[in-house]
Amino acid sequence: MPKYYVNKNAQVNGDHEVHKEGCRHMPITTERVYVGDFPKCTSAVLRAKKIYKTADGCRNCSRPCHER
């Protein structure tokens, strides 16, 4: 199962992006929080929303979960 991480730093719109391990847009280790191993990004984003209410899937690696 893929490993997912959420960016500690919000984007300009306030979202904290959720990335699948290996994404070319994943933040460096000190700027991300491990969310867990999930079969799909939907579960990863739900878990990340417990950390950051404004979590959203990355447009590149978690496109089905990218809403804004």
N, C-alpha and C. Protein backbone atom coordinates (compact mmCIF):
# COMPACT_ATOMS: atom_id res chain seq x y z
N MET A 1 0.84 -1.19 0.00
CA MET A 1 0.00 0.00 0.00
C MET A 1 0.88 1.25 0.00
N PRO A 2 0.44 2.27 -0.70
CA PRO A 2 1.22 3.51 -0.73
C PRO A 2 1.23 4.22 0.63
N LYS A 3 2.33 4.90 0.90
CA LYS A 3 2.46 5.73 2.09
C LYS A 3 2.05 7.15 1.72
N TYR A 4 1.34 7.81 2.62
CA TYR A 4 0.86 9.18 2.37
C TYR A 4 1.38 10.13 3.44
N TYR A 5 1.60 11.36 3.01
CA TYR A 5 2.12 12.42 3.88
C TYR A 5 1.33 13.69 3.64
N VAL A 6 1.21 14.51 4.68
CA VAL A 6 0.56 15.80 4.53
C VAL A 6 1.59 16.90 4.78
N ASN A 7 1.54 17.91 3.97
CA ASN A 7 2.46 19.03 4.07
C ASN A 7 2.12 19.86 5.30
N LYS A 8 3.11 20.16 6.14
CA LYS A 8 2.90 20.99 7.33
C LYS A 8 2.61 22.44 6.94
N ASN A 9 3.11 22.84 5.79
CA ASN A 9 2.95 24.23 5.34
C ASN A 9 1.75 24.34 4.41
N ALA A 10 0.87 25.24 4.74
CA ALA A 10 -0.32 25.46 3.90
C ALA A 10 0.06 26.20 2.62
N GLN A 11 -0.69 25.93 1.59
CA GLN A 11 -0.54 26.67 0.33
C GLN A 11 -1.18 28.05 0.50
N VAL A 12 -1.08 28.86 -0.50
CA VAL A 12 -1.65 30.21 -0.46
C VAL A 12 -3.15 30.17 -0.15
N ASN A 13 -3.86 29.15 -0.66
CA ASN A 13 -5.30 29.06 -0.43
C ASN A 13 -5.65 28.44 0.93
N GLY A 14 -4.63 28.07 1.72
CA GLY A 14 -4.87 27.52 3.04
C GLY A 14 -4.89 26.01 3.12
N ASP A 15 -4.81 25.33 1.98
CA ASP A 15 -4.83 23.86 1.96
C ASP A 15 -3.47 23.27 2.35
N HIS A 16 -3.54 22.14 3.04
CA HIS A 16 -2.36 21.33 3.34
C HIS A 16 -2.45 20.12 2.43
N GLU A 17 -1.57 20.05 1.45
CA GLU A 17 -1.66 18.99 0.45
C GLU A 17 -1.21 17.63 0.97
N VAL A 18 -1.94 16.59 0.55
CA VAL A 18 -1.62 15.21 0.87
C VAL A 18 -0.93 14.60 -0.35
N HIS A 19 0.25 14.01 -0.11
CA HIS A 19 1.06 13.43 -1.18
C HIS A 19 1.29 11.94 -0.97
N LYS A 20 1.32 11.22 -2.08
CA LYS A 20 1.69 9.81 -2.06
C LYS A 20 3.21 9.75 -2.15
N GLU A 21 3.82 8.83 -1.40
CA GLU A 21 5.27 8.69 -1.43
C GLU A 21 5.76 8.55 -2.87
N GLY A 22 6.79 9.31 -3.19
CA GLY A 22 7.35 9.31 -4.54
C GLY A 22 6.89 10.48 -5.39
N CYS A 23 5.92 11.25 -4.90
CA CYS A 23 5.44 12.42 -5.65
C CYS A 23 6.57 13.43 -5.81
N ARG A 24 6.71 13.98 -6.98
CA ARG A 24 7.77 14.96 -7.22
C ARG A 24 7.52 16.28 -6.51
N HIS A 25 6.30 16.47 -5.96
CA HIS A 25 5.97 17.70 -5.24
C HIS A 25 5.96 17.51 -3.72
N MET A 26 6.37 16.33 -3.26
CA MET A 26 6.36 16.07 -1.83
C MET A 26 7.36 16.97 -1.12
N PRO A 27 6.95 17.56 -0.01
CA PRO A 27 7.87 18.42 0.75
C PRO A 27 9.00 17.61 1.39
N ILE A 28 10.04 18.32 1.81
CA ILE A 28 11.16 17.66 2.47
C ILE A 28 10.68 17.05 3.79
N THR A 29 11.46 16.13 4.31
CA THR A 29 11.09 15.34 5.48
C THR A 29 10.63 16.20 6.67
N THR A 30 11.31 17.30 6.93
CA THR A 30 10.98 18.13 8.10
C THR A 30 9.70 18.95 7.91
N GLU A 31 9.18 18.97 6.70
CA GLU A 31 7.99 19.78 6.40
C GLU A 31 6.77 18.93 6.08
N ARG A 32 6.79 17.68 6.51
CA ARG A 32 5.65 16.80 6.24
C ARG A 32 5.36 15.91 7.45
N VAL A 33 4.13 15.41 7.50
CA VAL A 33 3.69 14.51 8.56
C VAL A 33 3.21 13.23 7.90
N TYR A 34 3.70 12.10 8.39
CA TYR A 34 3.27 10.80 7.88
C TYR A 34 1.82 10.58 8.29
N VAL A 35 0.98 10.26 7.32
CA VAL A 35 -0.44 10.06 7.57
C VAL A 35 -0.76 8.57 7.71
N GLY A 36 -0.11 7.73 6.92
CA GLY A 36 -0.33 6.29 7.00
C GLY A 36 -0.26 5.62 5.65
N ASP A 37 -0.46 4.31 5.66
CA ASP A 37 -0.50 3.51 4.42
C ASP A 37 -1.96 3.26 4.09
N PHE A 38 -2.36 3.61 2.87
CA PHE A 38 -3.75 3.47 2.47
C PHE A 38 -3.82 2.99 1.02
N PRO A 39 -4.87 2.23 0.68
CA PRO A 39 -5.01 1.77 -0.69
C PRO A 39 -5.39 2.90 -1.65
N LYS A 40 -6.07 3.93 -1.13
CA LYS A 40 -6.52 5.06 -1.96
C LYS A 40 -6.32 6.37 -1.21
N CYS A 41 -6.26 7.45 -1.97
CA CYS A 41 -6.04 8.76 -1.37
C CYS A 41 -7.21 9.24 -0.52
N THR A 42 -8.41 8.74 -0.78
CA THR A 42 -9.57 9.21 -0.01
C THR A 42 -9.38 8.94 1.48
N SER A 43 -8.91 7.78 1.84
CA SER A 43 -8.66 7.46 3.25
C SER A 43 -7.53 8.30 3.82
N ALA A 44 -6.52 8.54 3.02
CA ALA A 44 -5.38 9.36 3.47
C ALA A 44 -5.81 10.79 3.75
N VAL A 45 -6.64 11.35 2.89
CA VAL A 45 -7.10 12.73 3.09
C VAL A 45 -8.00 12.81 4.33
N LEU A 46 -8.85 11.83 4.53
CA LEU A 46 -9.70 11.83 5.73
C LEU A 46 -8.84 11.81 6.99
N ARG A 47 -7.80 11.01 7.01
CA ARG A 47 -6.90 10.97 8.17
C ARG A 47 -6.17 12.31 8.33
N ALA A 48 -5.71 12.86 7.21
CA ALA A 48 -4.98 14.14 7.25
C ALA A 48 -5.88 15.27 7.76
N LYS A 49 -7.18 15.20 7.48
CA LYS A 49 -8.11 16.24 7.95
C LYS A 49 -8.24 16.24 9.47
N LYS A 50 -7.83 15.16 10.13
CA LYS A 50 -7.81 15.13 11.59
C LYS A 50 -6.63 15.95 12.12
N ILE A 51 -5.62 16.14 11.28
CA ILE A 51 -4.45 16.94 11.64
C ILE A 51 -4.64 18.38 11.18
N TYR A 52 -5.01 18.53 9.91
CA TYR A 52 -5.25 19.84 9.30
C TYR A 52 -6.62 19.81 8.64
N LYS A 53 -7.53 20.58 9.17
CA LYS A 53 -8.91 20.60 8.67
C LYS A 53 -8.98 20.88 7.17
N THR A 54 -8.03 21.61 6.66
CA THR A 54 -8.06 22.00 5.24
C THR A 54 -7.19 21.11 4.35
N ALA A 55 -6.96 19.87 4.77
CA ALA A 55 -6.17 18.94 3.95
C ALA A 55 -6.90 18.65 2.63
N ASP A 56 -6.12 18.49 1.57
CA ASP A 56 -6.65 18.24 0.24
C ASP A 56 -5.63 17.42 -0.53
N GLY A 57 -6.07 16.59 -1.44
CA GLY A 57 -5.16 15.77 -2.23
C GLY A 57 -4.33 16.59 -3.20
N CYS A 58 -3.12 16.15 -3.42
CA CYS A 58 -2.23 16.79 -4.40
C CYS A 58 -2.81 16.60 -5.80
N ARG A 59 -2.76 17.64 -6.59
CA ARG A 59 -3.29 17.59 -7.95
C ARG A 59 -2.53 16.59 -8.82
N ASN A 60 -1.27 16.31 -8.48
CA ASN A 60 -0.46 15.43 -9.30
C ASN A 60 -0.51 13.97 -8.87
N CYS A 61 -0.35 13.69 -7.60
CA CYS A 61 -0.25 12.29 -7.17
C CYS A 61 -1.53 11.77 -6.51
N SER A 62 -2.44 12.66 -6.15
CA SER A 62 -3.70 12.26 -5.51
C SER A 62 -4.88 12.99 -6.18
N ARG A 63 -4.84 13.01 -7.49
CA ARG A 63 -5.83 13.77 -8.29
C ARG A 63 -7.28 13.46 -7.93
N PRO A 64 -7.67 12.21 -7.68
CA PRO A 64 -9.09 11.95 -7.35
C PRO A 64 -9.54 12.65 -6.06
N CYS A 65 -8.57 13.04 -5.23
CA CYS A 65 -8.89 13.68 -3.95
C CYS A 65 -8.61 15.18 -3.95
N HIS A 66 -8.23 15.71 -5.10
CA HIS A 66 -7.95 17.15 -5.22
C HIS A 66 -9.24 17.88 -5.51
N GLU A 67 -9.65 18.72 -4.56
CA GLU A 67 -10.94 19.42 -4.72
C GLU A 67 -10.82 20.89 -5.06
N ARG A 68 -9.72 21.51 -4.65
CA ARG A 68 -9.62 22.97 -4.87
C ARG A 68 -8.42 23.30 -5.69
